[in-house]
């Protein structure tokens, strides 16, 4: 920095530090970079670092660029299944399209974000844990403008893991076959609903939170 470089490359600069020091230095590095105006490329496998420090993120897979965008774009609007799965936590299901904004999983039809696939196309669906809404033991069945039932399901609360500001929960729903749904509930929501393992819990999965991707066979 003292020599006034036009480009600064940082290769995992915070990887050997403890958590609190990393958080502090993330802020210091970003503040210094903005003050000096030096174009900086930072290589990291820490997703939190990338999301909190970057103006633009390049997600690569086996040497191929999967997506370039702002942290918000990469996290909220992933362009490929790899990016959706790699950045943050995701629950994935396999389904078959039924119209431009719905997908069937078994006999259950989910309303989704509008997708580009034709009817009968096999897709992977992704849902982020923080998007799942806990409704309690006996919610009212809601309907949208077209008078169709929203994505509301009865589940069993299989596991609960306390992570400080929220609980990471594993939910079992008959509609989703054998897959467990990962959901992040705030401490306040868990307290308000008196949630405990092995309870029955109704949840809502907002249609705008469900993304469909071309099924990748490995």
Foldseek 3Di string as FASTA:
>chain_A
DVVLDQEAEAEPVCVVDDDVVSVVVLVVVLVVCVVSVHHYDYDDLDLVSCLVRDQKDFDDDPRHTQDIDHSCCLAQPPPAPCSPPSRAHKDKAKFWDDDQAWTAQDNDIAGADGDDDDGGAIWMKIFHQAQKAWQADDHDFDADPVRDTHQKFKWAFADWDDDDQWIWTWIHGVRRPGHTGTHIGGPVVCVVRVDDHGDIIMIGRGRHRMDIHHDDDD
